[in-house]
N, C-alpha and C. Protein backbone atom coordinates (compact mmCIF):
# COMPACT_ATOMS: atom_id res chain seq x y z
N UNK A 1 14.14 -17.51 -10.36
CA UNK A 1 13.79 -16.25 -9.74
C UNK A 1 12.47 -15.71 -10.29
N UNK A 2 12.26 -15.81 -11.59
CA UNK A 2 11.02 -15.35 -12.20
C UNK A 2 10.09 -16.54 -12.38
N UNK A 3 8.91 -16.51 -11.75
CA UNK A 3 7.98 -17.63 -11.93
C UNK A 3 7.65 -17.85 -13.41
N UNK A 4 7.44 -19.10 -13.79
CA UNK A 4 7.25 -19.43 -15.21
C UNK A 4 6.03 -18.73 -15.80
N UNK A 5 4.95 -18.57 -15.04
CA UNK A 5 3.76 -17.89 -15.59
C UNK A 5 4.04 -16.41 -15.84
N UNK A 6 4.89 -15.82 -15.03
CA UNK A 6 5.27 -14.42 -15.24
C UNK A 6 6.18 -14.32 -16.46
N UNK A 7 7.12 -15.24 -16.58
CA UNK A 7 8.03 -15.25 -17.72
C UNK A 7 7.26 -15.44 -19.03
N UNK A 8 6.24 -16.27 -19.01
CA UNK A 8 5.45 -16.52 -20.23
C UNK A 8 4.63 -15.29 -20.62
N UNK A 9 4.14 -14.54 -19.64
CA UNK A 9 3.33 -13.36 -19.91
C UNK A 9 4.19 -12.15 -20.25
N UNK A 10 5.33 -12.04 -19.58
CA UNK A 10 6.23 -10.89 -19.76
C UNK A 10 7.60 -11.39 -20.22
N UNK A 11 7.72 -11.84 -21.47
CA UNK A 11 8.98 -12.45 -21.92
C UNK A 11 10.17 -11.50 -21.93
N UNK A 12 9.93 -10.20 -21.91
CA UNK A 12 11.04 -9.24 -21.87
C UNK A 12 11.60 -9.08 -20.48
N UNK A 13 10.93 -9.65 -19.49
CA UNK A 13 11.34 -9.46 -18.11
C UNK A 13 12.69 -10.10 -17.79
N UNK A 14 12.91 -11.34 -18.21
CA UNK A 14 14.17 -12.03 -17.90
C UNK A 14 15.39 -11.27 -18.45
N UNK A 15 15.38 -10.86 -19.73
CA UNK A 15 16.55 -10.10 -20.20
C UNK A 15 16.74 -8.78 -19.44
N UNK A 16 15.63 -8.14 -19.06
CA UNK A 16 15.73 -6.90 -18.29
C UNK A 16 16.37 -7.18 -16.93
N UNK A 17 15.91 -8.20 -16.24
CA UNK A 17 16.45 -8.56 -14.92
C UNK A 17 17.94 -8.87 -15.03
N UNK A 18 18.32 -9.64 -16.04
CA UNK A 18 19.74 -9.98 -16.21
C UNK A 18 20.58 -8.73 -16.47
N UNK A 19 20.07 -7.83 -17.29
CA UNK A 19 20.81 -6.60 -17.59
C UNK A 19 20.97 -5.73 -16.35
N UNK A 20 19.91 -5.61 -15.56
CA UNK A 20 19.97 -4.79 -14.35
C UNK A 20 20.91 -5.42 -13.33
N UNK A 21 20.83 -6.72 -13.16
CA UNK A 21 21.67 -7.39 -12.16
C UNK A 21 23.14 -7.40 -12.55
N UNK A 22 23.43 -7.17 -13.80
CA UNK A 22 24.83 -7.14 -14.25
C UNK A 22 25.49 -5.79 -13.97
N UNK A 23 24.72 -4.84 -13.47
CA UNK A 23 25.24 -3.50 -13.22
C UNK A 23 24.97 -3.08 -11.79
N UNK A 24 25.64 -2.05 -11.36
CA UNK A 24 25.40 -1.51 -10.03
C UNK A 24 24.19 -0.57 -10.09
N UNK A 25 23.44 -0.45 -9.00
CA UNK A 25 22.25 0.42 -9.00
C UNK A 25 22.55 1.87 -9.37
N UNK A 26 23.73 2.37 -9.03
CA UNK A 26 24.04 3.77 -9.32
C UNK A 26 24.73 3.99 -10.66
N UNK A 27 24.90 2.92 -11.44
CA UNK A 27 25.48 3.07 -12.79
C UNK A 27 24.53 3.87 -13.68
N UNK A 28 25.11 4.60 -14.62
CA UNK A 28 24.32 5.34 -15.59
C UNK A 28 23.71 4.42 -16.63
N UNK A 29 22.79 4.96 -17.41
CA UNK A 29 22.12 4.19 -18.47
C UNK A 29 22.08 5.03 -19.75
N UNK A 30 21.52 4.45 -20.81
CA UNK A 30 21.35 5.18 -22.06
C UNK A 30 20.33 6.31 -21.90
N UNK A 31 19.47 6.21 -20.89
CA UNK A 31 18.52 7.28 -20.59
C UNK A 31 19.29 8.34 -19.80
N UNK A 32 19.62 9.42 -20.43
CA UNK A 32 20.45 10.43 -19.80
C UNK A 32 19.91 10.84 -18.44
N UNK A 33 20.79 10.88 -17.46
CA UNK A 33 20.51 11.28 -16.08
C UNK A 33 19.73 10.22 -15.30
N UNK A 34 19.50 9.03 -15.86
CA UNK A 34 18.82 7.95 -15.15
C UNK A 34 19.84 6.89 -14.79
N UNK A 35 19.79 6.46 -13.54
CA UNK A 35 20.64 5.35 -13.11
C UNK A 35 19.90 4.03 -13.34
N UNK A 36 20.60 2.94 -13.15
CA UNK A 36 19.97 1.62 -13.25
C UNK A 36 18.83 1.54 -12.23
N UNK A 37 19.08 2.04 -11.04
CA UNK A 37 18.03 2.04 -10.00
C UNK A 37 16.82 2.86 -10.44
N UNK A 38 17.04 4.01 -11.07
CA UNK A 38 15.93 4.84 -11.56
C UNK A 38 15.07 4.06 -12.56
N UNK A 39 15.71 3.33 -13.44
CA UNK A 39 14.97 2.55 -14.44
C UNK A 39 14.17 1.44 -13.76
N UNK A 40 14.77 0.79 -12.76
CA UNK A 40 14.07 -0.26 -12.03
C UNK A 40 12.87 0.32 -11.29
N UNK A 41 13.03 1.47 -10.68
CA UNK A 41 11.92 2.14 -10.00
C UNK A 41 10.82 2.45 -11.01
N UNK A 42 11.19 2.97 -12.15
CA UNK A 42 10.22 3.31 -13.19
C UNK A 42 9.45 2.07 -13.66
N UNK A 43 10.17 0.99 -13.91
CA UNK A 43 9.51 -0.26 -14.36
C UNK A 43 8.61 -0.83 -13.27
N UNK A 44 8.99 -0.68 -12.00
CA UNK A 44 8.15 -1.15 -10.90
C UNK A 44 6.85 -0.35 -10.87
N UNK A 45 6.97 0.96 -10.97
CA UNK A 45 5.79 1.82 -11.00
C UNK A 45 4.91 1.54 -12.21
N UNK A 46 5.54 1.26 -13.35
CA UNK A 46 4.77 0.93 -14.56
C UNK A 46 3.97 -0.35 -14.38
N UNK A 47 4.60 -1.38 -13.81
CA UNK A 47 3.89 -2.65 -13.60
C UNK A 47 2.69 -2.44 -12.68
N UNK A 48 2.90 -1.67 -11.61
CA UNK A 48 1.78 -1.38 -10.70
C UNK A 48 0.67 -0.63 -11.42
N UNK A 49 1.05 0.38 -12.20
CA UNK A 49 0.06 1.22 -12.88
C UNK A 49 -0.68 0.45 -13.97
N UNK A 50 0.03 -0.35 -14.74
CA UNK A 50 -0.64 -1.14 -15.77
C UNK A 50 -1.67 -2.08 -15.17
N UNK A 51 -1.31 -2.73 -14.07
CA UNK A 51 -2.25 -3.63 -13.40
C UNK A 51 -3.45 -2.86 -12.88
N UNK A 52 -3.23 -1.72 -12.28
CA UNK A 52 -4.31 -0.90 -11.72
C UNK A 52 -5.28 -0.44 -12.80
N UNK A 53 -4.74 0.05 -13.91
CA UNK A 53 -5.57 0.56 -15.00
C UNK A 53 -6.31 -0.57 -15.71
N UNK A 54 -5.63 -1.68 -15.96
CA UNK A 54 -6.27 -2.81 -16.62
C UNK A 54 -7.37 -3.40 -15.74
N UNK A 55 -7.10 -3.55 -14.46
CA UNK A 55 -8.10 -4.11 -13.54
C UNK A 55 -9.34 -3.20 -13.50
N UNK A 56 -9.14 -1.91 -13.46
CA UNK A 56 -10.26 -0.97 -13.45
C UNK A 56 -11.05 -1.06 -14.75
N UNK A 57 -10.35 -1.15 -15.88
CA UNK A 57 -11.03 -1.26 -17.17
C UNK A 57 -11.90 -2.51 -17.24
N UNK A 58 -11.33 -3.63 -16.83
CA UNK A 58 -12.06 -4.90 -16.87
C UNK A 58 -13.29 -4.85 -15.96
N UNK A 59 -13.16 -4.17 -14.82
CA UNK A 59 -14.30 -4.10 -13.90
C UNK A 59 -15.34 -3.07 -14.34
N UNK A 60 -15.05 -2.36 -15.43
CA UNK A 60 -16.01 -1.39 -15.95
C UNK A 60 -15.94 -0.02 -15.32
N UNK A 61 -14.87 0.24 -14.58
CA UNK A 61 -14.70 1.54 -13.94
C UNK A 61 -13.32 2.10 -14.28
N UNK A 62 -13.13 2.50 -15.55
CA UNK A 62 -11.81 3.01 -15.97
C UNK A 62 -11.33 4.14 -15.06
N UNK A 63 -10.02 4.21 -14.90
CA UNK A 63 -9.39 5.24 -14.07
C UNK A 63 -8.35 5.99 -14.89
N UNK A 64 -8.05 7.18 -14.45
CA UNK A 64 -7.00 7.97 -15.08
C UNK A 64 -5.64 7.37 -14.75
N UNK A 65 -4.71 7.47 -15.66
CA UNK A 65 -3.35 7.02 -15.42
C UNK A 65 -2.65 8.07 -14.55
N UNK A 66 -1.94 7.60 -13.53
CA UNK A 66 -1.19 8.51 -12.67
C UNK A 66 0.16 8.84 -13.30
N UNK A 67 0.76 9.90 -12.84
CA UNK A 67 2.06 10.32 -13.33
C UNK A 67 3.21 9.71 -12.54
N UNK A 68 4.35 10.34 -12.64
CA UNK A 68 5.56 9.83 -12.00
C UNK A 68 5.49 9.81 -10.48
N UNK A 69 4.52 10.49 -9.88
CA UNK A 69 4.40 10.46 -8.42
C UNK A 69 4.19 9.03 -7.91
N UNK A 70 3.72 8.14 -8.77
CA UNK A 70 3.52 6.74 -8.37
C UNK A 70 4.84 6.06 -8.01
N UNK A 71 5.95 6.64 -8.41
CA UNK A 71 7.27 6.04 -8.15
C UNK A 71 7.85 6.43 -6.79
N UNK A 72 7.28 7.42 -6.14
CA UNK A 72 7.84 7.94 -4.88
C UNK A 72 8.05 6.86 -3.82
N UNK A 73 7.08 5.97 -3.57
CA UNK A 73 7.30 4.96 -2.53
C UNK A 73 8.50 4.05 -2.83
N UNK A 74 8.73 3.79 -4.10
CA UNK A 74 9.83 2.90 -4.48
C UNK A 74 11.18 3.56 -4.29
N UNK A 75 11.24 4.87 -4.40
CA UNK A 75 12.50 5.60 -4.21
C UNK A 75 12.98 5.50 -2.76
N UNK A 76 12.05 5.31 -1.83
CA UNK A 76 12.41 5.24 -0.41
C UNK A 76 12.83 3.83 0.02
N UNK A 77 12.69 2.85 -0.87
CA UNK A 77 13.01 1.46 -0.52
C UNK A 77 14.49 1.17 -0.64
N UNK A 78 14.94 0.19 0.13
CA UNK A 78 16.30 -0.31 -0.03
C UNK A 78 16.34 -1.10 -1.35
N UNK A 79 17.53 -1.42 -1.81
CA UNK A 79 17.66 -2.18 -3.05
C UNK A 79 16.94 -3.52 -2.97
N UNK A 80 17.09 -4.24 -1.85
CA UNK A 80 16.43 -5.55 -1.74
C UNK A 80 14.91 -5.40 -1.67
N UNK A 81 14.42 -4.38 -0.99
CA UNK A 81 12.97 -4.14 -0.95
C UNK A 81 12.45 -3.79 -2.33
N UNK A 82 13.23 -3.00 -3.07
CA UNK A 82 12.83 -2.62 -4.43
C UNK A 82 12.73 -3.83 -5.34
N UNK A 83 13.71 -4.75 -5.26
CA UNK A 83 13.65 -5.97 -6.08
C UNK A 83 12.41 -6.79 -5.75
N UNK A 84 12.12 -6.92 -4.46
CA UNK A 84 10.93 -7.67 -4.05
C UNK A 84 9.67 -7.00 -4.58
N UNK A 85 9.61 -5.68 -4.47
CA UNK A 85 8.44 -4.94 -4.97
C UNK A 85 8.31 -5.09 -6.48
N UNK A 86 9.42 -5.00 -7.19
CA UNK A 86 9.40 -5.14 -8.65
C UNK A 86 8.83 -6.50 -9.05
N UNK A 87 9.36 -7.55 -8.47
CA UNK A 87 8.88 -8.89 -8.81
C UNK A 87 7.43 -9.09 -8.40
N UNK A 88 7.06 -8.56 -7.26
CA UNK A 88 5.68 -8.66 -6.79
C UNK A 88 4.72 -7.95 -7.74
N UNK A 89 5.08 -6.74 -8.18
CA UNK A 89 4.22 -5.98 -9.09
C UNK A 89 4.12 -6.67 -10.45
N UNK A 90 5.20 -7.29 -10.90
CA UNK A 90 5.16 -8.03 -12.17
C UNK A 90 4.27 -9.26 -12.04
N UNK A 91 4.33 -9.93 -10.90
CA UNK A 91 3.45 -11.09 -10.66
C UNK A 91 1.99 -10.64 -10.64
N UNK A 92 1.72 -9.54 -9.96
CA UNK A 92 0.34 -9.04 -9.90
C UNK A 92 -0.15 -8.65 -11.29
N UNK A 93 0.68 -7.98 -12.07
CA UNK A 93 0.31 -7.61 -13.43
C UNK A 93 -0.02 -8.86 -14.24
N UNK A 94 0.75 -9.91 -14.08
CA UNK A 94 0.49 -11.17 -14.78
C UNK A 94 -0.87 -11.73 -14.39
N UNK A 95 -1.20 -11.70 -13.10
CA UNK A 95 -2.49 -12.19 -12.63
C UNK A 95 -3.64 -11.37 -13.21
N UNK A 96 -3.49 -10.05 -13.22
CA UNK A 96 -4.53 -9.17 -13.75
C UNK A 96 -4.70 -9.39 -15.25
N UNK A 97 -3.58 -9.55 -15.96
CA UNK A 97 -3.65 -9.79 -17.41
C UNK A 97 -4.35 -11.12 -17.71
N UNK A 98 -4.06 -12.14 -16.92
CA UNK A 98 -4.71 -13.45 -17.11
C UNK A 98 -6.20 -13.33 -16.85
N UNK A 99 -6.59 -12.62 -15.80
CA UNK A 99 -8.00 -12.43 -15.50
C UNK A 99 -8.69 -11.64 -16.61
N UNK A 100 -8.01 -10.63 -17.13
CA UNK A 100 -8.57 -9.82 -18.21
C UNK A 100 -8.77 -10.67 -19.46
N UNK A 101 -7.83 -11.53 -19.75
CA UNK A 101 -7.94 -12.40 -20.92
C UNK A 101 -9.14 -13.33 -20.78
N UNK A 102 -9.42 -13.78 -19.58
CA UNK A 102 -10.58 -14.65 -19.35
C UNK A 102 -11.88 -13.87 -19.40
N UNK A 103 -11.87 -12.65 -18.84
CA UNK A 103 -13.10 -11.88 -18.66
C UNK A 103 -13.55 -11.08 -19.88
N UNK A 104 -12.62 -10.70 -20.72
CA UNK A 104 -12.97 -9.87 -21.88
C UNK A 104 -13.29 -10.76 -23.08
N UNK A 105 -14.38 -10.47 -23.75
CA UNK A 105 -14.69 -11.22 -24.96
C UNK A 105 -13.80 -10.71 -26.09
N UNK A 106 -13.57 -11.54 -27.11
CA UNK A 106 -12.68 -11.12 -28.22
C UNK A 106 -13.14 -9.86 -28.94
N UNK A 107 -14.42 -9.53 -28.87
CA UNK A 107 -14.91 -8.36 -29.59
C UNK A 107 -15.05 -7.12 -28.70
N UNK A 108 -14.46 -7.16 -27.49
CA UNK A 108 -14.49 -6.01 -26.60
C UNK A 108 -13.72 -4.86 -27.23
N UNK A 109 -14.36 -3.69 -27.28
CA UNK A 109 -13.71 -2.52 -27.86
C UNK A 109 -12.79 -1.89 -26.84
N UNK A 110 -11.52 -1.78 -27.17
CA UNK A 110 -10.52 -1.17 -26.29
C UNK A 110 -10.06 0.10 -26.96
N UNK A 111 -10.13 1.20 -26.23
CA UNK A 111 -9.74 2.48 -26.82
C UNK A 111 -8.29 2.76 -26.57
């Protein structure tokens, strides 16, 4: 289910996916008032945002980080659409991270 290049870049992803799939979307979590689905939505938005910010940084045009409003489109998705979006955003983040690793010299100053 998780492509090997994504698994190699995001090793925490497989345990997260297994934990989420072992529960129902409306189950509660250790994050008070957050359901399993809420956490998946949050992680999907995070993957999208990390890729967006990293890609902008590498291109020399840094952008501000967006807030929780970035999660709104994911809240409207069905469970299957959300899973597809989550995996797609993680794949994109992997691609952006690989490009950044190639494009940035080891002495690039990151703030």
